[in-house]
């Protein structure tokens, strides 16, 4: 199969690189030419536009920052995608967006497979991220080799829209855990504990979480560099609150998290790292959470 990949940012760039390293025939495009050229150096072909890419390949992956941008790109590629082509979407979309865009694709004879990923940019760089899939089982099986190249674990959640629901759930949990971890580490700091030892103790306890093990290190380093922004966090929390209303589930913790991230955006900007939400507490108490021996970025 000849794959195209559109959207080579913090996440998509690593996913595309994993496909290239696995030996797939990959053509890439990004509105930032430098990102595309970086993938040419890895062995990819480079297309001048999204439509040019779609003409050259059998199936197209995308990883884009919002449903609106996904729709714009879809409008560019659908008219030139060949018969039997598939669109594999690695972006995080709302379920309604998935179903609506899938219908637009179907009207042009293109089937959609939603495949958002979770686990962090560092796992994407290693080809070890988790892939959450929604769509027809036959499409999942057809593209399983490619999905195995970009991620270590895969879950076929059911029909289109299913992956959107579980992805929003996992991100909602991560943001809640992040806020809780910041409060826990601040208690340790203000309680006079050695922060490196406290981090290790929490990691070995019943209070541990994936967020503590990963993002907690970046907070202690002071870089906060997780490769995920306040705006993206607010987008995902908005999806979660929408599901809460639709399914009749009161999301008290998610609502508090959304309010906190609005404060974080106001303080540091929408492009700030999502982990900087903990800096709100650091600034409020004029107490940093630094410790020696923690990395600036996760490897």
Protein backbone atom coordinates (compact mmCIF):
# COMPACT_ATOMS: atom_id res chain seq x y z
CA UNK A 1 0.00 0.00 0.00
CA UNK A 2 1.05 3.56 -0.68
CA UNK A 3 0.18 5.75 2.28
CA UNK A 4 -0.05 9.50 2.51
CA UNK A 5 0.40 11.35 5.78
CA UNK A 6 -0.87 14.92 6.28
CA UNK A 7 -0.03 16.79 9.48
CA UNK A 8 3.53 16.38 10.75
CA UNK A 9 3.39 18.24 14.05
CA UNK A 10 4.40 17.06 17.51
CA UNK A 11 2.38 13.88 17.23
CA UNK A 12 1.75 13.26 13.54
CA UNK A 13 5.41 13.70 12.68
CA UNK A 14 6.35 10.77 14.89
CA UNK A 15 3.52 8.59 13.59
CA UNK A 16 4.53 9.24 9.99
CA UNK A 17 8.18 8.55 10.84
CA UNK A 18 7.21 5.20 12.32
CA UNK A 19 5.48 4.22 9.09
CA UNK A 20 8.56 5.22 7.11
CA UNK A 21 10.93 3.31 9.40
CA UNK A 22 8.71 0.22 9.07
CA UNK A 23 9.30 0.27 5.31
CA UNK A 24 5.96 1.55 4.07
CA UNK A 25 5.78 3.65 0.91
CA UNK A 26 4.91 7.03 2.44
CA UNK A 27 4.25 10.45 0.90
CA UNK A 28 3.94 13.37 3.33
CA UNK A 29 2.62 16.90 3.37
CA UNK A 30 2.51 19.66 5.97
CA UNK A 31 1.82 23.36 5.64
CA UNK A 32 5.27 23.83 7.18
CA UNK A 33 7.66 22.68 4.41
CA UNK A 34 10.51 22.17 6.89
CA UNK A 35 8.57 19.40 8.63
CA UNK A 36 7.95 17.66 5.32
CA UNK A 37 11.63 17.92 4.33
CA UNK A 38 12.61 16.33 7.64
CA UNK A 39 10.60 13.29 6.59
CA UNK A 40 12.11 13.29 3.12
CA UNK A 41 15.43 12.74 4.87
CA UNK A 42 13.91 9.63 6.48
CA UNK A 43 12.88 8.24 3.10
CA UNK A 44 9.44 9.71 2.42
CA UNK A 45 8.27 11.41 -0.74
CA UNK A 46 7.03 14.99 -0.31
CA UNK A 47 3.88 16.38 -1.92
CA UNK A 48 3.42 20.07 -2.60
CA UNK A 49 -0.20 20.08 -1.39
CA UNK A 50 -2.76 17.86 0.29
CA UNK A 51 -4.53 17.27 -3.03
CA UNK A 52 -1.26 16.36 -4.77
CA UNK A 53 -0.58 13.85 -2.03
CA UNK A 54 -4.03 12.26 -2.33
CA UNK A 55 -3.51 11.75 -6.08
CA UNK A 56 -0.27 9.85 -5.48
CA UNK A 57 -1.30 7.35 -2.77
CA UNK A 58 -3.82 4.59 -2.05
CA UNK A 59 -4.88 5.70 1.44
CA UNK A 60 -4.40 8.84 3.54
CA UNK A 61 -3.56 9.31 7.22
CA UNK A 62 -4.19 12.69 8.86
CA UNK A 63 -3.22 14.12 12.24
CA UNK A 64 -4.52 17.66 12.63
CA UNK A 65 -5.22 20.05 15.52
CA UNK A 66 -9.00 20.50 15.21
CA UNK A 67 -12.12 19.10 13.54
CA UNK A 68 -12.37 22.30 11.49
CA UNK A 69 -8.91 21.78 10.00
CA UNK A 70 -9.65 18.11 9.38
CA UNK A 71 -12.72 19.17 7.40
CA UNK A 72 -10.74 21.68 5.35
CA UNK A 73 -8.12 19.06 4.49
CA UNK A 74 -10.80 16.48 3.72
CA UNK A 75 -12.37 18.87 1.21
CA UNK A 76 -8.99 19.09 -0.54
CA UNK A 77 -8.29 15.37 -0.74
CA UNK A 78 -11.69 13.74 -1.34
CA UNK A 79 -12.15 14.91 -4.94
CA UNK A 80 -8.90 13.26 -6.03
CA UNK A 81 -8.79 10.11 -3.89
CA UNK A 82 -9.03 6.96 -5.95
CA UNK A 83 -11.75 4.29 -5.92
CA UNK A 84 -11.59 2.16 -2.77
CA UNK A 85 -9.43 4.68 -0.91
CA UNK A 86 -9.54 4.90 2.86
CA UNK A 87 -9.04 7.86 5.20
CA UNK A 88 -7.38 7.01 8.53
CA UNK A 89 -7.78 9.85 11.04
CA UNK A 90 -5.28 9.98 13.92
CA UNK A 91 -6.64 13.32 15.17
CA UNK A 92 -8.82 13.59 18.26
CA UNK A 93 -12.33 14.47 17.06
CA UNK A 94 -15.71 14.59 18.73
CA UNK A 95 -17.99 11.67 17.93
CA UNK A 96 -20.40 13.93 16.02
CA UNK A 97 -17.47 15.24 13.97
CA UNK A 98 -16.36 11.69 13.18
CA UNK A 99 -19.82 10.65 11.97
CA UNK A 100 -20.36 13.84 9.98
CA UNK A 101 -16.96 13.73 8.27
CA UNK A 102 -17.28 10.01 7.62
CA UNK A 103 -20.54 10.72 5.79
CA UNK A 104 -18.86 13.40 3.68
CA UNK A 105 -16.15 10.88 2.79
CA UNK A 106 -18.65 8.14 2.03
CA UNK A 107 -20.47 10.40 -0.40
CA UNK A 108 -17.21 10.52 -2.37
CA UNK A 109 -16.69 6.75 -2.14
CA UNK A 110 -14.04 6.96 0.60
CA UNK A 111 -14.32 4.91 3.81
CA UNK A 112 -13.09 6.32 7.12
CA UNK A 113 -11.25 4.59 9.95
CA UNK A 114 -10.84 6.66 13.12
CA UNK A 115 -7.59 5.87 14.93
CA UNK A 116 -6.77 8.46 17.60
CA UNK A 117 -3.73 7.69 19.72
CA UNK A 118 -3.00 8.05 23.42
CA UNK A 119 0.02 7.80 25.71
CA UNK A 120 2.10 10.85 24.90
CA UNK A 121 4.47 12.18 22.28
CA UNK A 122 7.42 10.28 23.78
CA UNK A 123 5.68 6.94 23.15
CA UNK A 124 4.75 8.04 19.62
CA UNK A 125 8.44 8.74 18.98
CA UNK A 126 9.25 5.15 19.96
CA UNK A 127 6.39 3.61 17.99
CA UNK A 128 4.87 2.45 21.28
CA UNK A 129 1.79 4.64 21.58
CA UNK A 130 -1.68 3.12 22.01
CA UNK A 131 -4.07 3.24 19.05
CA UNK A 132 -7.84 3.43 19.61
CA UNK A 133 -9.78 2.36 16.54
CA UNK A 134 -13.37 2.85 15.41
CA UNK A 135 -14.81 1.64 12.14
CA UNK A 136 -15.52 -1.49 10.17
CA UNK A 137 -13.58 -4.55 11.28
CA UNK A 138 -12.50 -5.23 7.70
CA UNK A 139 -10.85 -1.79 7.45
CA UNK A 140 -9.14 -2.33 10.79
CA UNK A 141 -7.71 -5.63 9.58
CA UNK A 142 -6.65 -4.13 6.24
CA UNK A 143 -4.58 -1.42 7.94
CA UNK A 144 -3.45 -3.38 10.99
CA UNK A 145 0.17 -3.67 9.75
CA UNK A 146 0.37 0.12 9.48
CA UNK A 147 -1.30 0.60 12.86
CA UNK A 148 1.17 -1.87 14.37
CA UNK A 149 3.99 0.24 12.97
CA UNK A 150 2.80 3.38 14.74
CA UNK A 151 1.66 1.86 18.04
CA UNK A 152 2.40 -1.03 20.37
CA UNK A 153 -1.17 -1.62 21.53
CA UNK A 154 -4.42 -1.44 19.57
CA UNK A 155 -8.04 -1.56 20.63
CA UNK A 156 -10.86 -1.91 18.11
CA UNK A 157 -13.59 -0.16 20.10
CA UNK A 158 -16.47 -0.78 17.69
CA UNK A 159 -18.17 1.29 14.96
CA UNK A 160 -17.22 4.80 13.95
CA UNK A 161 -17.49 7.18 16.89
CA UNK A 162 -16.49 4.59 19.49
CA UNK A 163 -12.84 5.55 19.47
CA UNK A 164 -13.74 9.23 19.86
CA UNK A 165 -15.62 8.44 23.06
CA UNK A 166 -12.85 6.39 24.69
CA UNK A 167 -10.14 8.85 23.60
CA UNK A 168 -11.97 11.73 25.26
CA UNK A 169 -12.42 9.60 28.40
CA UNK A 170 -8.70 8.82 28.60
CA UNK A 171 -7.72 12.46 28.09
CA UNK A 172 -10.26 13.63 30.66
CA UNK A 173 -8.72 11.27 33.20
CA UNK A 174 -5.21 12.49 32.33
CA UNK A 175 -6.10 16.13 32.97
CA UNK A 176 -7.77 15.30 36.29
CA UNK A 177 -4.74 13.22 37.29
CA UNK A 178 -2.43 16.08 36.33
CA UNK A 179 -4.21 18.53 38.60
CA UNK A 180 -4.29 16.01 41.44
CA UNK A 181 -0.60 15.20 41.01
CA UNK A 182 0.32 18.87 41.21
CA UNK A 183 -1.59 19.25 44.47
CA UNK A 184 -0.01 16.08 45.87
CA UNK A 185 3.52 17.16 45.02
CA UNK A 186 2.87 20.62 46.47
CA UNK A 187 1.81 18.98 49.74
CA UNK A 188 5.09 17.05 49.71
CA UNK A 189 7.12 20.20 49.02
CA UNK A 190 5.40 22.33 51.66
CA UNK A 191 5.65 19.43 54.06
CA UNK A 192 9.43 19.57 53.80
CA UNK A 193 9.95 16.31 51.91
CA UNK A 194 12.74 15.69 49.42
CA UNK A 195 10.91 15.97 46.09
CA UNK A 196 12.87 13.32 44.23
CA UNK A 197 12.23 10.80 46.99
CA UNK A 198 8.59 11.84 47.25
CA UNK A 199 8.14 11.31 43.51
CA UNK A 200 9.63 7.82 43.81
CA UNK A 201 7.46 6.99 46.82
CA UNK A 202 4.27 8.05 45.03
CA UNK A 203 5.34 6.06 41.98
CA UNK A 204 5.64 2.94 44.16
CA UNK A 205 2.32 3.54 45.94
CA UNK A 206 -1.39 2.99 45.39
CA UNK A 207 -1.56 6.68 44.44
CA UNK A 208 0.57 6.24 41.33
CA UNK A 209 -0.66 7.10 37.83
CA UNK A 210 0.70 7.20 34.30
CA UNK A 211 0.58 11.00 34.49
CA UNK A 212 2.67 11.03 37.67
CA UNK A 213 5.28 8.76 36.08
CA UNK A 214 5.55 10.87 32.93
CA UNK A 215 4.36 14.48 33.25
CA UNK A 216 5.33 14.58 36.91
CA UNK A 217 8.97 14.32 35.85
CA UNK A 218 8.68 17.33 33.53
CA UNK A 219 7.12 19.40 36.31
CA UNK A 220 9.96 18.53 38.67
CA UNK A 221 12.46 19.44 35.95
CA UNK A 222 10.67 22.74 35.28
CA UNK A 223 10.51 22.34 31.50
CA UNK A 224 6.83 21.27 31.44
CA UNK A 225 7.60 20.18 27.85
CA UNK A 226 4.97 17.52 27.13
CA UNK A 227 4.18 18.66 23.56
CA UNK A 228 0.48 19.23 24.31
CA UNK A 229 -1.11 22.64 24.72
CA UNK A 230 -3.68 24.30 26.96
CA UNK A 231 -5.90 24.82 23.91
CA UNK A 232 -5.84 21.11 23.08
CA UNK A 233 -6.65 20.23 26.69
CA UNK A 234 -9.63 22.59 26.64
CA UNK A 235 -10.80 21.11 23.32
CA UNK A 236 -10.80 17.60 24.77
CA UNK A 237 -12.43 18.67 28.03
CA UNK A 238 -15.12 20.37 25.97
CA UNK A 239 -15.79 17.07 24.20
CA UNK A 240 -15.98 15.33 27.60
CA UNK A 241 -18.48 17.84 28.97
CA UNK A 242 -20.57 17.37 25.84
CA UNK A 243 -20.65 13.61 26.38
CA UNK A 244 -21.60 14.18 30.01
CA UNK A 245 -24.67 16.12 28.93
CA UNK A 246 -25.56 13.63 26.19
CA UNK A 247 -25.21 10.54 28.36
CA UNK A 248 -26.66 12.09 31.53
CA UNK A 249 -23.46 11.75 33.58
CA UNK A 250 -22.54 14.53 36.04
CA UNK A 251 -18.83 15.23 35.50
CA UNK A 252 -17.97 17.26 38.58
CA UNK A 253 -14.21 16.62 38.44
CA UNK A 254 -14.02 17.20 34.69
CA UNK A 255 -15.91 20.48 35.13
CA UNK A 256 -13.41 21.63 37.77
CA UNK A 257 -10.57 20.59 35.48
CA UNK A 258 -12.03 22.63 32.61
CA UNK A 259 -12.28 25.69 34.85
CA UNK A 260 -8.66 25.23 35.92
CA UNK A 261 -7.45 24.98 32.33
CA UNK A 262 -9.35 28.14 31.44
CA UNK A 263 -7.39 29.85 34.22
CA UNK A 264 -4.19 28.31 32.86
CA UNK A 265 -4.91 29.63 29.37
CA UNK A 266 -5.63 33.08 30.75
CA UNK A 267 -2.37 33.06 32.68
CA UNK A 268 0.04 31.52 30.17
CA UNK A 269 -1.73 31.47 26.80
CA UNK A 270 -3.44 28.75 24.79
CA UNK A 271 -0.15 27.60 23.30
CA UNK A 272 1.43 26.96 26.71
CA UNK A 273 2.19 23.39 27.72
CA UNK A 274 -0.77 21.67 29.37
CA UNK A 275 1.52 20.62 32.24
CA UNK A 276 1.88 24.29 33.14
CA UNK A 277 -1.53 23.99 34.78
CA UNK A 278 0.47 22.97 37.85
CA UNK A 279 2.39 26.25 37.63
CA UNK A 280 -0.83 28.04 38.65
CA UNK A 281 -0.43 26.50 42.10
CA UNK A 282 3.32 27.14 42.13
CA UNK A 283 2.74 30.81 41.32
CA UNK A 284 -0.10 31.15 43.83
CA UNK A 285 2.05 29.81 46.66
CA UNK A 286 5.35 31.21 45.35
CA UNK A 287 6.76 27.70 45.70
CA UNK A 288 8.34 25.75 42.86
CA UNK A 289 8.40 21.98 42.57
CA UNK A 290 11.92 21.55 41.21
CA UNK A 291 14.13 18.55 41.92
CA UNK A 292 17.44 17.33 40.52
CA UNK A 293 17.73 14.34 38.21
CA UNK A 294 14.54 14.66 36.16
CA UNK A 295 14.52 15.07 32.34
CA UNK A 296 13.46 18.12 30.37
CA UNK A 297 11.77 15.84 27.83
CA UNK A 298 10.55 12.28 27.95
CA UNK A 299 12.45 9.81 25.79
